[in-house]
Protein backbone atom coordinates (compact mmCIF):
# COMPACT_ATOMS: atom_id res chain seq x y z
CA UNK A 1 239.29 160.26 156.00
CA UNK A 2 239.15 157.28 154.62
CA UNK A 3 235.44 155.48 154.39
CA UNK A 4 234.39 151.77 155.16
CA UNK A 5 233.86 149.76 152.28
CA UNK A 6 230.28 148.64 151.42
CA UNK A 7 228.42 146.19 153.00
CA UNK A 8 225.06 145.40 151.95
CA UNK A 9 222.18 145.05 154.29
CA UNK A 10 218.90 144.74 152.19
CA UNK A 11 218.49 148.17 151.12
CA UNK A 12 218.94 148.63 147.34
CA UNK A 13 221.36 151.04 145.32
CA UNK A 14 223.53 151.45 142.21
CA UNK A 15 226.33 153.08 144.32
CA UNK A 16 229.17 151.09 144.73
CA UNK A 17 230.97 152.72 146.51
CA UNK A 18 228.64 153.39 149.16
CA UNK A 19 229.29 151.04 152.50
CA UNK A 20 226.44 150.06 155.78
CA UNK A 21 224.78 151.90 157.21
CA UNK A 22 222.19 151.51 159.57
CA UNK A 23 219.75 154.09 161.10
CA UNK A 24 219.68 155.24 164.66
CA UNK A 25 216.63 155.41 166.74
CA UNK A 26 214.37 158.37 166.04
CA UNK A 27 215.30 161.65 168.69
CA UNK A 28 212.20 163.69 169.24
CA UNK A 29 213.38 167.32 168.97
CA UNK A 30 211.03 170.66 169.10
CA UNK A 31 211.54 174.41 169.00
CA UNK A 32 210.14 177.55 167.20
CA UNK A 33 212.02 179.20 165.11
CA UNK A 34 210.88 182.55 163.87
CA UNK A 35 211.64 184.43 160.55
CA UNK A 36 210.32 187.42 159.57
CA UNK A 37 206.89 187.19 157.72
CA UNK A 38 209.05 187.29 153.76
CA UNK A 39 211.14 184.69 154.65
CA UNK A 40 208.96 182.05 156.73
CA UNK A 41 208.75 178.18 156.29
CA UNK A 42 207.33 175.94 158.47
CA UNK A 43 209.87 173.23 159.90
CA UNK A 44 211.36 172.21 163.11
CA UNK A 45 214.21 173.07 165.42
CA UNK A 46 216.12 170.41 163.79
CA UNK A 47 216.43 172.26 160.41
CA UNK A 48 217.73 175.76 163.00
CA UNK A 49 220.33 177.58 162.18
CA UNK A 50 220.20 178.42 158.09
CA UNK A 51 220.19 181.97 156.36
CA UNK A 52 216.93 183.25 155.54
CA UNK A 53 215.95 182.86 151.74
CA UNK A 54 216.17 186.47 149.63
CA UNK A 55 212.82 187.10 148.28
CA UNK A 56 214.32 185.86 144.04
CA UNK A 57 215.17 182.78 146.23
CA UNK A 58 211.78 181.64 147.54
CA UNK A 59 209.14 179.51 145.85
CA UNK A 60 205.84 178.34 147.05
CA UNK A 61 206.04 175.37 149.31
CA UNK A 62 203.21 172.95 147.95
CA UNK A 63 201.44 172.64 151.97
CA UNK A 64 199.98 169.46 152.86
CA UNK A 65 200.33 167.02 155.64
CA UNK A 66 203.74 165.29 155.19
CA UNK A 67 206.40 165.53 157.15
CA UNK A 68 210.47 164.43 156.43
CA UNK A 69 211.98 163.51 159.49
CA UNK A 70 215.94 163.35 158.01
CA UNK A 71 219.29 160.98 159.13
CA UNK A 72 222.05 161.60 157.73
CA UNK A 73 225.10 158.79 158.86
CA UNK A 74 227.93 158.18 157.48
CA UNK A 75 230.45 154.89 158.44
CA UNK A 76 234.12 154.74 158.31
CA UNK A 77 236.93 151.97 158.51
CA UNK A 78 237.07 152.05 161.68
CA UNK A 79 233.29 151.30 162.21
CA UNK A 80 232.37 154.27 163.44
CA UNK A 81 229.55 156.33 162.26
CA UNK A 82 229.70 159.68 161.89
CA UNK A 83 226.38 162.34 161.89
CA UNK A 84 226.49 164.90 158.80
CA UNK A 85 226.13 167.26 161.16
CA UNK A 86 224.88 171.20 160.31
CA UNK A 87 224.47 170.27 157.21
CA UNK A 88 222.36 171.71 154.40
CA UNK A 89 219.93 169.98 152.17
CA UNK A 90 217.60 171.63 149.54
CA UNK A 91 214.09 170.02 148.79
CA UNK A 92 213.33 170.50 145.01
CA UNK A 93 211.86 168.94 142.30
CA UNK A 94 214.65 167.99 139.98
CA UNK A 95 218.27 166.35 140.40
CA UNK A 96 221.21 167.95 140.30
CA UNK A 97 222.47 167.41 137.36
CA UNK A 98 218.88 168.98 135.90
CA UNK A 99 219.48 172.55 137.69
CA UNK A 100 222.83 172.89 137.11
CA UNK A 101 222.84 171.33 133.09
CA UNK A 102 221.23 174.84 133.39
CA UNK A 103 223.72 176.83 133.97
CA UNK A 104 227.03 178.06 132.10
CA UNK A 105 229.29 175.52 134.56
CA UNK A 106 230.45 173.19 132.51
CA UNK A 107 232.65 170.65 134.22
CA UNK A 108 236.03 170.26 134.04
CA UNK A 109 236.62 167.01 132.08
CA UNK A 110 240.07 168.11 131.80
CA UNK A 111 240.23 168.26 135.43
CA UNK A 112 239.46 164.74 135.90
CA UNK A 113 235.85 165.53 136.84
CA UNK A 114 233.16 163.74 135.59
CA UNK A 115 229.79 165.20 137.17
CA UNK A 116 228.16 168.12 139.15
CA UNK A 117 228.09 166.18 142.22
CA UNK A 118 231.59 165.62 142.19
CA UNK A 119 232.16 169.40 141.03
CA UNK A 120 230.43 170.56 143.53
CA UNK A 121 232.17 168.58 146.35
CA UNK A 122 235.89 169.46 145.61
CA UNK A 123 234.72 172.89 144.72
CA UNK A 124 233.79 172.91 148.60
CA UNK A 125 237.61 171.55 149.57
CA UNK A 126 239.00 173.38 147.43
CA UNK A 127 237.70 177.04 146.75
CA UNK A 128 241.00 178.01 145.77
CA UNK A 129 241.21 175.66 142.84
CA UNK A 130 237.68 176.73 141.59
CA UNK A 131 236.97 180.23 142.73
CA UNK A 132 233.47 181.51 142.72
CA UNK A 133 232.23 177.90 141.84
CA UNK A 134 230.90 176.41 145.27
CA UNK A 135 228.89 179.41 145.83
CA UNK A 136 227.25 179.87 142.54
CA UNK A 137 226.37 175.48 142.73
CA UNK A 138 224.79 176.36 146.30
CA UNK A 139 223.04 179.66 144.43
CA UNK A 140 221.71 177.90 142.23
CA UNK A 141 219.78 175.01 144.34
CA UNK A 142 218.30 177.88 146.68
CA UNK A 143 216.71 179.27 143.86
CA UNK A 144 215.89 176.15 143.07
CA UNK A 145 214.54 174.71 145.30
CA UNK A 146 210.66 174.48 147.53
CA UNK A 147 212.46 175.17 150.94
CA UNK A 148 215.78 174.12 152.56
CA UNK A 149 216.93 172.29 155.91
CA UNK A 150 219.94 172.05 157.85
CA UNK A 151 220.77 169.46 159.97
CA UNK A 152 221.45 169.24 163.86
CA UNK A 153 224.85 168.20 165.49
CA UNK A 154 223.95 164.80 165.71
CA UNK A 155 222.82 164.53 161.29
CA UNK A 156 219.35 164.96 162.10
CA UNK A 157 216.29 167.56 160.45
CA UNK A 158 212.81 168.23 160.40
CA UNK A 159 209.99 169.17 157.85
CA UNK A 160 206.76 169.34 158.59
CA UNK A 161 203.18 170.45 156.28
CA UNK A 162 204.68 169.30 152.89
CA UNK A 163 201.93 168.27 150.45
CA UNK A 164 202.75 164.64 149.26
CA UNK A 165 204.34 163.79 146.20
CA UNK A 166 207.72 163.31 144.39
CA UNK A 167 211.31 165.50 145.53
CA UNK A 168 214.85 165.65 145.63
CA UNK A 169 216.69 165.92 148.42
CA UNK A 170 220.08 167.44 147.75
CA UNK A 171 222.80 168.52 149.80
CA UNK A 172 226.92 168.05 150.79
CA UNK A 173 229.38 167.08 153.59
CA UNK A 174 232.58 168.14 153.86
CA UNK A 175 233.18 164.25 155.86
CA UNK A 176 235.85 162.01 154.34
CA UNK A 177 239.06 163.05 152.37
CA UNK A 178 237.34 165.41 149.80
CA UNK A 179 233.76 165.35 150.18
CA UNK A 180 230.04 163.82 150.02
CA UNK A 181 227.23 164.66 148.14
CA UNK A 182 223.65 163.39 148.05
CA UNK A 183 220.78 164.07 145.13
CA UNK A 184 218.26 162.16 146.46
CA UNK A 185 214.73 161.02 144.88
CA UNK A 186 212.12 160.82 147.81
CA UNK A 187 208.71 159.99 148.16
CA UNK A 188 206.51 162.13 150.76
CA UNK A 189 203.43 160.26 151.71
CA UNK A 190 200.72 161.54 153.74
CA UNK A 191 202.31 161.55 157.49
CA UNK A 192 205.30 160.89 159.09
CA UNK A 193 208.21 159.78 156.44
CA UNK A 194 212.13 158.98 157.74
CA UNK A 195 214.56 159.61 155.13
CA UNK A 196 217.72 158.01 156.21
CA UNK A 197 220.79 158.80 153.70
CA UNK A 198 224.62 157.17 153.20
CA UNK A 199 227.36 156.92 151.11
CA UNK A 200 224.73 154.05 149.20
CA UNK A 201 222.93 157.33 148.62
CA UNK A 202 225.32 159.70 147.65
CA UNK A 203 225.24 161.16 144.07
CA UNK A 204 229.01 161.19 144.69
CA UNK A 205 231.44 160.43 147.76
CA UNK A 206 235.51 160.68 147.82
């Protein structure tokens, strides 16, 4: 599906292929998510629907008074905005390149792929062409993550009780002709933190 050309709205970005994005009004949803004691992490309903972490994937989640309110939305050529619904995001302390660079997983540059972000998106889109790659990348991110969250049908998710500080939020959506991958540095302050992602924040998109 073609994606609308960028229309700069005053938010700085180095991504040349990112279009305009306007945040929708915040909606509040809360419910209880019950997980086994070995897999619990603190979050609200908007990040429900996840498979529990395997024990080897768990890292100590830094506890604090910060909350992350995530909104992910993409605008297309027809000016319609579509949320990145039911999309998994990882909260990590490194970029996608730093995490995947330690794997024995060379980027197939002979296929015209220039980054791990692009490699992940294309391996999701065409798993038969890159067998096992999408799961290897996803597992590496899961093992490196402090926690994770999943957007609901309108592209929103909440995470509470995080320690303030600098993190990366990494995720992949199948929106567009191929897909979109984010590896966005964020700085959480005490209290509520709204993080709105669109194509201007993408590490790769097509």
